[in-house]
Amino acid sequence: AFADVIAGCAAAPRPNQDGTWIAPEFQTAYFDLHRLGFAHSFECWYPDEGGHLLLAGGLYGVQIGRVFFGESMFAWQNDASKIAFAHAVPFLQRCGIALMIASKTHRIWRVSARS
């Protein structure tokens, strides 16, 4: 699912921007960090009519020590990234994360980063 989240974040439309900063070189670096256990994703899934799960949205970031750096988030369905985030916060806290840092453009990160 990590690769799907990276792809979703890279493909998500960005107002007033052409393209994405998540270029193939960045994606390769994040895949390497994920294999090493430093990059993580959180997803929100929903079932289609046949019961198959589809990715609705998610987020990914990098963990260094007790800090999680949120890199990007996306949603193909309304509020899916917020739902993924809402589940990520308590999970990361249980894992010993003391601080979450992310881009100031993601309002949800700013108001939810406080434990």
PDB file of N, CA and C in Angstrom:
ATOM      1  N   ALA A   1       0.816  -1.207   0.000  1.00  0.00           N
ATOM      2  CA  ALA A   1       0.000   0.000   0.000  1.00  0.00           C
ATOM      3  C   ALA A   1       0.854   1.263   0.000  1.00  0.00           C
ATOM      4  N   PHE A   2       2.105   1.158   0.506  1.00  0.00           N
ATOM      5  CA  PHE A   2       2.966   2.337   0.559  1.00  0.00           C
ATOM      6  C   PHE A   2       3.143   2.937  -0.830  1.00  0.00           C
ATOM      7  N   ALA A   3       3.424   2.104  -1.818  1.00  0.00           N
ATOM      8  CA  ALA A   3       3.622   2.595  -3.189  1.00  0.00           C
ATOM      9  C   ALA A   3       2.350   3.252  -3.726  1.00  0.00           C
ATOM     10  N   ASP A   4       1.185   2.720  -3.361  1.00  0.00           N
ATOM     11  CA  ASP A   4      -0.082   3.304  -3.799  1.00  0.00           C
ATOM     12  C   ASP A   4      -0.287   4.688  -3.199  1.00  0.00           C
ATOM     13  N   VAL A   5       0.112   4.859  -1.949  1.00  0.00           N
ATOM     14  CA  VAL A   5      -0.033   6.161  -1.298  1.00  0.00           C
ATOM     15  C   VAL A   5       0.919   7.171  -1.935  1.00  0.00           C
ATOM     16  N   ILE A   6       2.159   6.766  -2.187  1.00  0.00           N
ATOM     17  CA  ILE A   6       3.110   7.665  -2.855  1.00  0.00           C
ATOM     18  C   ILE A   6       2.543   8.084  -4.221  1.00  0.00           C
ATOM     19  N   ALA A   7       2.036   7.106  -4.978  1.00  0.00           N
ATOM     20  CA  ALA A   7       1.476   7.404  -6.298  1.00  0.00           C
ATOM     21  C   ALA A   7       0.277   8.341  -6.177  1.00  0.00           C
ATOM     22  N   GLY A   8      -0.585   8.113  -5.186  1.00  0.00           N
ATOM     23  CA  GLY A   8      -1.742   8.981  -4.980  1.00  0.00           C
ATOM     24  C   GLY A   8      -1.333  10.397  -4.630  1.00  0.00           C
ATOM     25  N   CYS A   9      -0.350  10.520  -3.774  1.00  0.00           N
ATOM     26  CA  CYS A   9       0.135  11.854  -3.399  1.00  0.00           C
ATOM     27  C   CYS A   9       0.766  12.563  -4.604  1.00  0.00           C
ATOM     28  N   ALA A  10       1.516  11.826  -5.402  1.00  0.00           N
ATOM     29  CA  ALA A  10       2.160  12.421  -6.565  1.00  0.00           C
ATOM     30  C   ALA A  10       1.133  12.852  -7.611  1.00  0.00           C
ATOM     31  N   ALA A  11       0.025  12.121  -7.718  1.00  0.00           N
ATOM     32  CA  ALA A  11      -0.988  12.409  -8.733  1.00  0.00           C
ATOM     33  C   ALA A  11      -2.040  13.413  -8.280  1.00  0.00           C
ATOM     34  N   ALA A  12      -2.103  13.694  -6.993  1.00  0.00           N
ATOM     35  CA  ALA A  12      -3.143  14.587  -6.471  1.00  0.00           C
ATOM     36  C   ALA A  12      -3.000  15.989  -7.062  1.00  0.00           C
ATOM     37  N   PRO A  13      -4.103  16.570  -7.510  1.00  0.00           N
ATOM     38  CA  PRO A  13      -4.044  17.934  -8.044  1.00  0.00           C
ATOM     39  C   PRO A  13      -3.680  18.930  -6.950  1.00  0.00           C
ATOM     40  N   ARG A  14      -2.892  19.910  -7.319  1.00  0.00           N
ATOM     41  CA  ARG A  14      -2.471  20.946  -6.386  1.00  0.00           C
ATOM     42  C   ARG A  14      -2.856  22.305  -6.959  1.00  0.00           C
ATOM     43  N   PRO A  15      -3.714  23.037  -6.271  1.00  0.00           N
ATOM     44  CA  PRO A  15      -4.118  24.353  -6.779  1.00  0.00           C
ATOM     45  C   PRO A  15      -2.908  25.263  -6.987  1.00  0.00           C
ATOM     46  N   ASN A  16      -2.911  25.971  -8.096  1.00  0.00           N
ATOM     47  CA  ASN A  16      -1.855  26.939  -8.422  1.00  0.00           C
ATOM     48  C   ASN A  16      -0.479  26.316  -8.602  1.00  0.00           C
ATOM     49  N   GLN A  17      -0.416  25.010  -8.885  1.00  0.00           N
ATOM     50  CA  GLN A  17       0.872  24.346  -9.110  1.00  0.00           C
ATOM     51  C   GLN A  17       0.785  23.465 -10.347  1.00  0.00           C
ATOM     52  N   ASP A  18       1.867  23.405 -11.067  1.00  0.00           N
ATOM     53  CA  ASP A  18       1.977  22.481 -12.194  1.00  0.00           C
ATOM     54  C   ASP A  18       2.796  21.292 -11.750  1.00  0.00           C
ATOM     55  N   GLY A  19       2.214  20.116 -11.805  1.00  0.00           N
ATOM     56  CA  GLY A  19       2.959  18.914 -11.464  1.00  0.00           C
ATOM     57  C   GLY A  19       3.096  18.697  -9.978  1.00  0.00           C
ATOM     58  N   THR A  20       4.124  17.927  -9.622  1.00  0.00           N
ATOM     59  CA  THR A  20       4.343  17.536  -8.234  1.00  0.00           C
ATOM     60  C   THR A  20       5.822  17.604  -7.885  1.00  0.00           C
ATOM     61  N   TRP A  21       6.112  17.789  -6.628  1.00  0.00           N
ATOM     62  CA  TRP A  21       7.499  17.732  -6.173  1.00  0.00           C
ATOM     63  C   TRP A  21       7.927  16.284  -5.937  1.00  0.00           C
ATOM     64  N   ILE A  22       6.968  15.351  -5.935  1.00  0.00           N
ATOM     65  CA  ILE A  22       7.268  13.948  -5.648  1.00  0.00           C
ATOM     66  C   ILE A  22       7.702  13.275  -6.958  1.00  0.00           C
ATOM     67  N   ALA A  23       8.853  13.695  -7.457  1.00  0.00           N
ATOM     68  CA  ALA A  23       9.414  13.188  -8.709  1.00  0.00           C
ATOM     69  C   ALA A  23       9.861  11.732  -8.531  1.00  0.00           C
ATOM     70  N   PRO A  24      10.089  11.014  -9.625  1.00  0.00           N
ATOM     71  CA  PRO A  24      10.523   9.612  -9.523  1.00  0.00           C
ATOM     72  C   PRO A  24      11.736   9.403  -8.606  1.00  0.00           C
ATOM     73  N   GLU A  25      12.675  10.344  -8.607  1.00  0.00           N
ATOM     74  CA  GLU A  25      13.847  10.210  -7.731  1.00  0.00           C
ATOM     75  C   GLU A  25      13.448  10.246  -6.264  1.00  0.00           C
ATOM     76  N   PHE A  26      12.502  11.115  -5.911  1.00  0.00           N
ATOM     77  CA  PHE A  26      12.006  11.178  -4.540  1.00  0.00           C
ATOM     78  C   PHE A  26      11.259   9.891  -4.193  1.00  0.00           C
ATOM     79  N   GLN A  27      10.462   9.406  -5.125  1.00  0.00           N
ATOM     80  CA  GLN A  27       9.723   8.179  -4.876  1.00  0.00           C
ATOM     81  C   GLN A  27      10.678   7.025  -4.591  1.00  0.00           C
ATOM     82  N   THR A  28      11.735   6.911  -5.368  1.00  0.00           N
ATOM     83  CA  THR A  28      12.729   5.851  -5.138  1.00  0.00           C
ATOM     84  C   THR A  28      13.350   5.987  -3.757  1.00  0.00           C
ATOM     85  N   ALA A  29      13.673   7.213  -3.367  1.00  0.00           N
ATOM     86  CA  ALA A  29      14.261   7.437  -2.043  1.00  0.00           C
ATOM     87  C   ALA A  29      13.278   7.045  -0.937  1.00  0.00           C
ATOM     88  N   TYR A  30      11.998   7.406  -1.098  1.00  0.00           N
ATOM     89  CA  TYR A  30      11.002   7.033  -0.090  1.00  0.00           C
ATOM     90  C   TYR A  30      10.791   5.521  -0.039  1.00  0.00           C
ATOM     91  N   PHE A  31      10.825   4.853  -1.197  1.00  0.00           N
ATOM     92  CA  PHE A  31      10.711   3.381  -1.201  1.00  0.00           C
ATOM     93  C   PHE A  31      11.867   2.763  -0.430  1.00  0.00           C
ATOM     94  N   ASP A  32      13.073   3.300  -0.614  1.00  0.00           N
ATOM     95  CA  ASP A  32      14.239   2.802   0.124  1.00  0.00           C
ATOM     96  C   ASP A  32      14.063   3.016   1.620  1.00  0.00           C
ATOM     97  N   LEU A  33      13.600   4.202   2.009  1.00  0.00           N
ATOM     98  CA  LEU A  33      13.364   4.481   3.431  1.00  0.00           C
ATOM     99  C   LEU A  33      12.289   3.558   4.001  1.00  0.00           C
ATOM    100  N   HIS A  34      11.281   3.260   3.194  1.00  0.00           N
ATOM    101  CA  HIS A  34      10.222   2.351   3.641  1.00  0.00           C
ATOM    102  C   HIS A  34      10.791   0.948   3.870  1.00  0.00           C
ATOM    103  N   ARG A  35      11.592   0.467   2.940  1.00  0.00           N
ATOM    104  CA  ARG A  35      12.204  -0.863   3.107  1.00  0.00           C
ATOM    105  C   ARG A  35      13.098  -0.930   4.346  1.00  0.00           C
ATOM    106  N   LEU A  36      13.699   0.199   4.688  1.00  0.00           N
ATOM    107  CA  LEU A  36      14.566   0.246   5.871  1.00  0.00           C
ATOM    108  C   LEU A  36      13.777   0.480   7.160  1.00  0.00           C
ATOM    109  N   GLY A  37      12.463   0.710   7.051  1.00  0.00           N
ATOM    110  CA  GLY A  37      11.629   0.896   8.232  1.00  0.00           C
ATOM    111  C   GLY A  37      11.507   2.329   8.716  1.00  0.00           C
ATOM    112  N   PHE A  38      11.908   3.295   7.897  1.00  0.00           N
ATOM    113  CA  PHE A  38      11.850   4.700   8.311  1.00  0.00           C
ATOM    114  C   PHE A  38      10.683   5.477   7.725  1.00  0.00           C
ATOM    115  N   ALA A  39      10.096   5.001   6.635  1.00  0.00           N
ATOM    116  CA  ALA A  39       8.968   5.689   6.015  1.00  0.00           C
ATOM    117  C   ALA A  39       7.723   4.823   6.162  1.00  0.00           C
ATOM    118  N   HIS A  40       6.605   5.460   6.480  1.00  0.00           N
ATOM    119  CA  HIS A  40       5.373   4.736   6.758  1.00  0.00           C
ATOM    120  C   HIS A  40       4.193   5.416   6.059  1.00  0.00           C
ATOM    121  N   SER A  41       3.191   4.625   5.738  1.00  0.00           N
ATOM    122  CA  SER A  41       1.963   5.187   5.172  1.00  0.00           C
ATOM    123  C   SER A  41       0.776   4.757   6.014  1.00  0.00           C
ATOM    124  N   PHE A  42      -0.258   5.552   5.922  1.00  0.00           N
ATOM    125  CA  PHE A  42      -1.530   5.275   6.573  1.00  0.00           C
ATOM    126  C   PHE A  42      -2.600   5.481   5.518  1.00  0.00           C
ATOM    127  N   GLU A  43      -3.497   4.508   5.395  1.00  0.00           N
ATOM    128  CA  GLU A  43      -4.475   4.529   4.321  1.00  0.00           C
ATOM    129  C   GLU A  43      -5.900   4.472   4.847  1.00  0.00           C
ATOM    130  N   CYS A  44      -6.805   4.935   3.993  1.00  0.00           N
ATOM    131  CA  CYS A  44      -8.235   4.786   4.214  1.00  0.00           C
ATOM    132  C   CYS A  44      -8.765   4.022   3.000  1.00  0.00           C
ATOM    133  N   TRP A  45      -9.472   2.923   3.250  1.00  0.00           N
ATOM    134  CA  TRP A  45      -9.989   2.059   2.192  1.00  0.00           C
ATOM    135  C   TRP A  45     -11.504   2.009   2.262  1.00  0.00           C
ATOM    136  N   TYR A  46     -12.145   1.739   1.127  1.00  0.00           N
ATOM    137  CA  TYR A  46     -13.591   1.544   1.114  1.00  0.00           C
ATOM    138  C   TYR A  46     -13.929   0.420   0.134  1.00  0.00           C
ATOM    139  N   PRO A  47     -15.019  -0.302   0.385  1.00  0.00           N
ATOM    140  CA  PRO A  47     -15.381  -1.410  -0.512  1.00  0.00           C
ATOM    141  C   PRO A  47     -16.211  -0.932  -1.711  1.00  0.00           C
ATOM    142  N   ASP A  48     -15.937  -1.538  -2.876  1.00  0.00           N
ATOM    143  CA  ASP A  48     -16.794  -1.274  -4.029  1.00  0.00           C
ATOM    144  C   ASP A  48     -18.008  -2.198  -3.968  1.00  0.00           C
ATOM    145  N   GLU A  49     -18.828  -2.185  -5.000  1.00  0.00           N
ATOM    146  CA  GLU A  49     -20.050  -2.987  -4.994  1.00  0.00           C
ATOM    147  C   GLU A  49     -19.763  -4.486  -4.873  1.00  0.00           C
ATOM    148  N   GLY A  50     -18.601  -4.924  -5.372  1.00  0.00           N
ATOM    149  CA  GLY A  50     -18.238  -6.338  -5.319  1.00  0.00           C
ATOM    150  C   GLY A  50     -17.507  -6.729  -4.048  1.00  0.00           C
ATOM    151  N   GLY A  51     -17.310  -5.766  -3.153  1.00  0.00           N
ATOM    152  CA  GLY A  51     -16.628  -6.059  -1.902  1.00  0.00           C
ATOM    153  C   GLY A  51     -15.118  -5.924  -1.955  1.00  0.00           C
ATOM    154  N   HIS A  52     -14.577  -5.506  -3.097  1.00  0.00           N
ATOM    155  CA  HIS A  52     -13.125  -5.299  -3.207  1.00  0.00           C
ATOM    156  C   HIS A  52     -12.766  -3.951  -2.596  1.00  0.00           C
ATOM    157  N   LEU A  53     -11.689  -3.921  -1.846  1.00  0.00           N
ATOM    158  CA  LEU A  53     -11.280  -2.677  -1.206  1.00  0.00           C
ATOM    159  C   LEU A  53     -10.543  -1.771  -2.188  1.00  0.00           C
ATOM    160  N   LEU A  54     -10.915  -0.500  -2.164  1.00  0.00           N
ATOM    161  CA  LEU A  54     -10.295   0.524  -3.007  1.00  0.00           C
ATOM    162  C   LEU A  54      -9.675   1.585  -2.105  1.00  0.00           C
ATOM    163  N   LEU A  55      -8.542   2.098  -2.521  1.00  0.00           N
ATOM    164  CA  LEU A  55      -7.866   3.134  -1.748  1.00  0.00           C
ATOM    165  C   LEU A  55      -8.621   4.449  -1.887  1.00  0.00           C
ATOM    166  N   ALA A  56      -9.049   5.003  -0.772  1.00  0.00           N
ATOM    167  CA  ALA A  56      -9.799   6.257  -0.769  1.00  0.00           C
ATOM    168  C   ALA A  56      -8.897   7.456  -0.541  1.00  0.00           C
ATOM    169  N   GLY A  57      -7.785   7.245   0.145  1.00  0.00           N
ATOM    170  CA  GLY A  57      -6.863   8.325   0.449  1.00  0.00           C
ATOM    171  C   GLY A  57      -5.857   7.869   1.479  1.00  0.00           C
ATOM    172  N   GLY A  58      -4.917   8.749   1.780  1.00  0.00           N
ATOM    173  CA  GLY A  58      -3.917   8.392   2.777  1.00  0.00           C
ATOM    174  C   GLY A  58      -2.844   9.449   2.910  1.00  0.00           C
ATOM    175  N   LEU A  59      -1.838   9.090   3.653  1.00  0.00           N
ATOM    176  CA  LEU A  59      -0.705   9.976   3.884  1.00  0.00           C
ATOM    177  C   LEU A  59       0.544   9.132   4.108  1.00  0.00           C
ATOM    178  N   TYR A  60       1.692   9.759   3.955  1.00  0.00           N
ATOM    179  CA  TYR A  60       2.936   9.066   4.268  1.00  0.00           C
ATOM    180  C   TYR A  60       3.900  10.055   4.895  1.00  0.00           C
ATOM    181  N   GLY A  61       4.893   9.508   5.561  1.00  0.00           N
ATOM    182  CA  GLY A  61       5.901  10.337   6.191  1.00  0.00           C
ATOM    183  C   GLY A  61       7.100   9.518   6.590  1.00  0.00           C
ATOM    184  N   VAL A  62       8.060  10.203   7.181  1.00  0.00           N
ATOM    185  CA  VAL A  62       9.328   9.601   7.581  1.00  0.00           C
ATOM    186  C   VAL A  62       9.476   9.741   9.091  1.00  0.00           C
ATOM    187  N   GLN A  63       9.888   8.652   9.707  1.00  0.00           N
ATOM    188  CA  GLN A  63      10.130   8.644  11.152  1.00  0.00           C
ATOM    189  C   GLN A  63      11.628   8.644  11.412  1.00  0.00           C
ATOM    190  N   ILE A  64      12.054   9.590  12.231  1.00  0.00           N
ATOM    191  CA  ILE A  64      13.441   9.631  12.694  1.00  0.00           C
ATOM    192  C   ILE A  64      13.372   9.727  14.210  1.00  0.00           C
ATOM    193  N   GLY A  65      13.785   8.671  14.862  1.00  0.00           N
ATOM    194  CA  GLY A  65      13.680   8.621  16.310  1.00  0.00           C
ATOM    195  C   GLY A  65      12.234   8.696  16.736  1.00  0.00           C
ATOM    196  N   ARG A  66      11.934   9.653  17.607  1.00  0.00           N
ATOM    197  CA  ARG A  66      10.569   9.806  18.125  1.00  0.00           C
ATOM    198  C   ARG A  66       9.792  10.907  17.416  1.00  0.00           C
ATOM    199  N   VAL A  67      10.254  11.274  16.206  1.00  0.00           N
ATOM    200  CA  VAL A  67       9.596  12.330  15.429  1.00  0.00           C
ATOM    201  C   VAL A  67       9.101  11.741  14.113  1.00  0.00           C
ATOM    202  N   PHE A  68       7.854  12.065  13.748  1.00  0.00           N
ATOM    203  CA  PHE A  68       7.283  11.655  12.474  1.00  0.00           C
ATOM    204  C   PHE A  68       7.085  12.902  11.631  1.00  0.00           C
ATOM    205  N   PHE A  69       7.698  12.909  10.454  1.00  0.00           N
ATOM    206  CA  PHE A  69       7.612  14.029   9.529  1.00  0.00           C
ATOM    207  C   PHE A  69       6.600  13.683   8.436  1.00  0.00           C
ATOM    208  N   GLY A  70       5.434  14.289   8.482  1.00  0.00           N
ATOM    209  CA  GLY A  70       4.431  14.057   7.455  1.00  0.00           C
ATOM    210  C   GLY A  70       4.868  14.711   6.162  1.00  0.00           C
ATOM    211  N   GLU A  71       4.916  13.943   5.086  1.00  0.00           N
ATOM    212  CA  GLU A  71       5.406  14.460   3.814  1.00  0.00           C
ATOM    213  C   GLU A  71       4.289  14.899   2.875  1.00  0.00           C
ATOM    214  N   SER A  72       3.249  14.074   2.742  1.00  0.00           N
ATOM    215  CA  SER A  72       2.176  14.411   1.811  1.00  0.00           C
ATOM    216  C   SER A  72       0.930  13.594   2.136  1.00  0.00           C
ATOM    217  N   MET A  73      -0.214  14.082   1.691  1.00  0.00           N
ATOM    218  CA  MET A  73      -1.472  13.367   1.870  1.00  0.00           C
ATOM    219  C   MET A  73      -2.360  13.625   0.660  1.00  0.00           C
ATOM    220  N   PHE A  74      -3.314  12.718   0.433  1.00  0.00           N
ATOM    221  CA  PHE A  74      -4.235  12.872  -0.687  1.00  0.00           C
ATOM    222  C   PHE A  74      -5.553  12.206  -0.334  1.00  0.00           C
ATOM    223  N   ALA A  75      -6.590  12.553  -1.091  1.00  0.00           N
ATOM    224  CA  ALA A  75      -7.907  11.933  -0.900  1.00  0.00           C
ATOM    225  C   ALA A  75      -8.612  11.837  -2.242  1.00  0.00           C
ATOM    226  N   TRP A  76      -8.975  10.612  -2.631  1.00  0.00           N
ATOM    227  CA  TRP A  76      -9.819  10.412  -3.812  1.00  0.00           C
ATOM    228  C   TRP A  76     -11.291  10.471  -3.401  1.00  0.00           C
ATOM    229  N   GLN A  77     -11.567  10.222  -2.128  1.00  0.00           N
ATOM    230  CA  GLN A  77     -12.915  10.327  -1.571  1.00  0.00           C
ATOM    231  C   GLN A  77     -12.884  11.404  -0.482  1.00  0.00           C
ATOM    232  N   ASN A  78     -13.986  12.101  -0.296  1.00  0.00           N
ATOM    233  CA  ASN A  78     -14.038  13.189   0.684  1.00  0.00           C
ATOM    234  C   ASN A  78     -13.505  12.768   2.044  1.00  0.00           C
ATOM    235  N   ASP A  79     -12.586  13.559   2.560  1.00  0.00           N
ATOM    236  CA  ASP A  79     -12.043  13.429   3.917  1.00  0.00           C
ATOM    237  C   ASP A  79     -11.273  12.132   4.184  1.00  0.00           C
ATOM    238  N   ALA A  80     -10.959  11.362   3.162  1.00  0.00           N
ATOM    239  CA  ALA A  80     -10.254  10.095   3.377  1.00  0.00           C
ATOM    240  C   ALA A  80      -8.883  10.301   4.011  1.00  0.00           C
ATOM    241  N   SER A  81      -8.149  11.340   3.606  1.00  0.00           N
ATOM    242  CA  SER A  81      -6.834  11.572   4.202  1.00  0.00           C
ATOM    243  C   SER A  81      -6.975  11.977   5.667  1.00  0.00           C
ATOM    244  N   LYS A  82      -8.048  12.696   5.996  1.00  0.00           N
ATOM    245  CA  LYS A  82      -8.276  13.089   7.388  1.00  0.00           C
ATOM    246  C   LYS A  82      -8.601  11.870   8.245  1.00  0.00           C
ATOM    247  N   ILE A  83      -9.340  10.922   7.680  1.00  0.00           N
ATOM    248  CA  ILE A  83      -9.645   9.690   8.409  1.00  0.00           C
ATOM    249  C   ILE A  83      -8.362   8.893   8.641  1.00  0.00           C
ATOM    250  N   ALA A  84      -7.529   8.793   7.609  1.00  0.00           N
ATOM    251  CA  ALA A  84      -6.245   8.096   7.767  1.00  0.00           C
ATOM    252  C   ALA A  84      -5.398   8.782   8.835  1.00  0.00           C
ATOM    253  N   PHE A  85      -5.389  10.114   8.808  1.00  0.00           N
ATOM    254  CA  PHE A  85      -4.626  10.866   9.797  1.00  0.00           C
ATOM    255  C   PHE A  85      -5.158  10.621  11.205  1.00  0.00           C
ATOM    256  N   ALA A  86      -6.484  10.617  11.343  1.00  0.00           N
ATOM    257  CA  ALA A  86      -7.093  10.409  12.655  1.00  0.00           C
ATOM    258  C   ALA A  86      -6.714   9.060  13.244  1.00  0.00           C
ATOM    259  N   HIS A  87      -6.499   8.066  12.409  1.00  0.00           N
ATOM    260  CA  HIS A  87      -6.064   6.758  12.888  1.00  0.00           C
ATOM    261  C   HIS A  87      -4.553   6.706  13.091  1.00  0.00           C
ATOM    262  N   ALA A  88      -3.824   7.507  12.332  1.00  0.00           N
ATOM    263  CA  ALA A  88      -2.363   7.522  12.452  1.00  0.00           C
ATOM    264  C   ALA A  88      -1.904   8.124  13.776  1.00  0.00           C
ATOM    265  N   VAL A  89      -2.572   9.179  14.216  1.00  0.00           N
ATOM    266  CA  VAL A  89      -2.134   9.895  15.424  1.00  0.00           C
ATOM    267  C   VAL A  89      -2.050   8.976  16.642  1.00  0.00           C
ATOM    268  N   PRO A  90      -3.119   8.285  17.040  1.00  0.00           N
ATOM    269  CA  PRO A  90      -3.002   7.434  18.230  1.00  0.00           C
ATOM    270  C   PRO A  90      -2.051   6.256  18.010  1.00  0.00           C
ATOM    271  N   PHE A  91      -1.995   5.727  16.788  1.00  0.00           N
ATOM    272  CA  PHE A  91      -1.076   4.630  16.510  1.00  0.00           C
ATOM    273  C   PHE A  91       0.366   5.085  16.718  1.00  0.00           C
ATOM    274  N   LEU A  92       0.718   6.239  16.160  1.00  0.00           N
ATOM    275  CA  LEU A  92       2.083   6.750  16.309  1.00  0.00           C
ATOM    276  C   LEU A  92       2.389   7.082  17.766  1.00  0.00           C
ATOM    277  N   GLN A  93       1.403   7.599  18.485  1.00  0.00           N
ATOM    278  CA  GLN A  93       1.615   7.877  19.905  1.00  0.00           C
ATOM    279  C   GLN A  93       1.911   6.583  20.662  1.00  0.00           C
ATOM    280  N   ARG A  94       1.170   5.512  20.366  1.00  0.00           N
ATOM    281  CA  ARG A  94       1.427   4.221  21.022  1.00  0.00           C
ATOM    282  C   ARG A  94       2.804   3.675  20.661  1.00  0.00           C
ATOM    283  N   CYS A  95       3.315   4.070  19.503  1.00  0.00           N
ATOM    284  CA  CYS A  95       4.642   3.626  19.064  1.00  0.00           C
ATOM    285  C   CYS A  95       5.754   4.498  19.635  1.00  0.00           C
ATOM    286  N   GLY A  96       5.396   5.486  20.440  1.00  0.00           N
ATOM    287  CA  GLY A  96       6.396   6.322  21.091  1.00  0.00           C
ATOM    288  C   GLY A  96       6.740   7.610  20.368  1.00  0.00           C
ATOM    289  N   ILE A  97       5.994   7.950  19.338  1.00  0.00           N
ATOM    290  CA  ILE A  97       6.251   9.211  18.634  1.00  0.00           C
ATOM    291  C   ILE A  97       5.847  10.359  19.555  1.00  0.00           C
ATOM    292  N   ALA A  98       6.783  11.285  19.752  1.00  0.00           N
ATOM    293  CA  ALA A  98       6.538  12.401  20.654  1.00  0.00           C
ATOM    294  C   ALA A  98       6.152  13.677  19.911  1.00  0.00           C
ATOM    295  N   LEU A  99       6.487  13.761  18.623  1.00  0.00           N
ATOM    296  CA  LEU A  99       6.240  14.982  17.868  1.00  0.00           C
ATOM    297  C   LEU A  99       5.934  14.631  16.424  1.00  0.00           C
ATOM    298  N   MET A 100       4.944  15.329  15.863  1.00  0.00           N
ATOM    299  CA  MET A 100       4.614  15.177  14.442  1.00  0.00           C
ATOM    300  C   MET A 100       4.801  16.535  13.785  1.00  0.00           C
ATOM    301  N   ILE A 101       5.534  16.536  12.682  1.00  0.00           N
ATOM    302  CA  ILE A 101       5.825  17.775  11.966  1.00  0.00           C
ATOM    303  C   ILE A 101       5.378  17.598  10.522  1.00  0.00           C
ATOM    304  N   ALA A 102       4.781  18.655   9.971  1.00  0.00           N
ATOM    305  CA  ALA A 102       4.361  18.579   8.570  1.00  0.00           C
ATOM    306  C   ALA A 102       4.266  19.970   7.980  1.00  0.00           C
ATOM    307  N   SER A 103       4.029  20.000   6.692  1.00  0.00           N
ATOM    308  CA  SER A 103       3.909  21.247   5.954  1.00  0.00           C
ATOM    309  C   SER A 103       2.792  22.103   6.532  1.00  0.00           C
ATOM    310  N   LYS A 104       3.028  23.386   6.604  1.00  0.00           N
ATOM    311  CA  LYS A 104       2.001  24.283   7.118  1.00  0.00           C
ATOM    312  C   LYS A 104       0.805  24.385   6.180  1.00  0.00           C
ATOM    313  N   THR A 105       0.923  23.853   4.975  1.00  0.00           N
ATOM    314  CA  THR A 105      -0.214  23.896   4.059  1.00  0.00           C
ATOM    315  C   THR A 105      -1.276  22.882   4.430  1.00  0.00           C
ATOM    316  N   HIS A 106      -0.939  21.909   5.283  1.00  0.00           N
ATOM    317  CA  HIS A 106      -1.916  20.908   5.714  1.00  0.00           C
ATOM    318  C   HIS A 106      -2.449  21.305   7.082  1.00  0.00           C
ATOM    319  N   ARG A 107      -3.564  22.042   7.095  1.00  0.00           N
ATOM    320  CA  ARG A 107      -4.152  22.519   8.339  1.00  0.00           C
ATOM    321  C   ARG A 107      -4.339  21.418   9.371  1.00  0.00           C
ATOM    322  N   ILE A 108      -4.789  20.255   8.927  1.00  0.00           N
ATOM    323  CA  ILE A 108      -5.070  19.159   9.861  1.00  0.00           C
ATOM    324  C   ILE A 108      -3.835  18.780  10.662  1.00  0.00           C
ATOM    325  N   TRP A 109      -2.664  18.840  10.046  1.00  0.00           N
ATOM    326  CA  TRP A 109      -1.427  18.503  10.751  1.00  0.00           C
ATOM    327  C   TRP A 109      -1.157  19.514  11.861  1.00  0.00           C
ATOM    328  N   ARG A 110      -1.353  20.779  11.567  1.00  0.00           N
ATOM    329  CA  ARG A 110      -1.028  21.805  12.555  1.00  0.00           C
ATOM    330  C   ARG A 110      -1.888  21.687  13.801  1.00  0.00           C
ATOM    331  N   VAL A 111      -3.169  21.454  13.646  1.00  0.00           N
ATOM    332  CA  VAL A 111      -4.040  21.411  14.812  1.00  0.00           C
ATOM    333  C   VAL A 111      -3.980  20.081  15.531  1.00  0.00           C
ATOM    334  N   SER A 112      -3.482  19.042  14.858  1.00  0.00           N
ATOM    335  CA  SER A 112      -3.484  17.712  15.466  1.00  0.00           C
ATOM    336  C   SER A 112      -2.116  17.271  15.939  1.00  0.00           C
ATOM    337  N   ALA A 113      -1.104  18.061  15.725  1.00  0.00           N
ATOM    338  CA  ALA A 113       0.247  17.625  16.061  1.00  0.00           C
ATOM    339  C   ALA A 113       0.519  17.682  17.556  1.00  0.00           C
ATOM    340  N   ARG A 114      -0.328  18.358  18.284  1.00  0.00           N
ATOM    341  CA  ARG A 114      -0.157  18.471  19.736  1.00  0.00           C
ATOM    342  C   ARG A 114      -0.700  17.234  20.410  1.00  0.00           C
ATOM    343  N   SER A 115       0.064  16.667  21.349  1.00  0.00           N
ATOM    344  CA  SER A 115      -0.423  15.450  22.016  1.00  0.00           C
ATOM    345  C   SER A 115      -1.207  15.760  23.263  1.00  0.00           C
TER     346      SER A 115
END
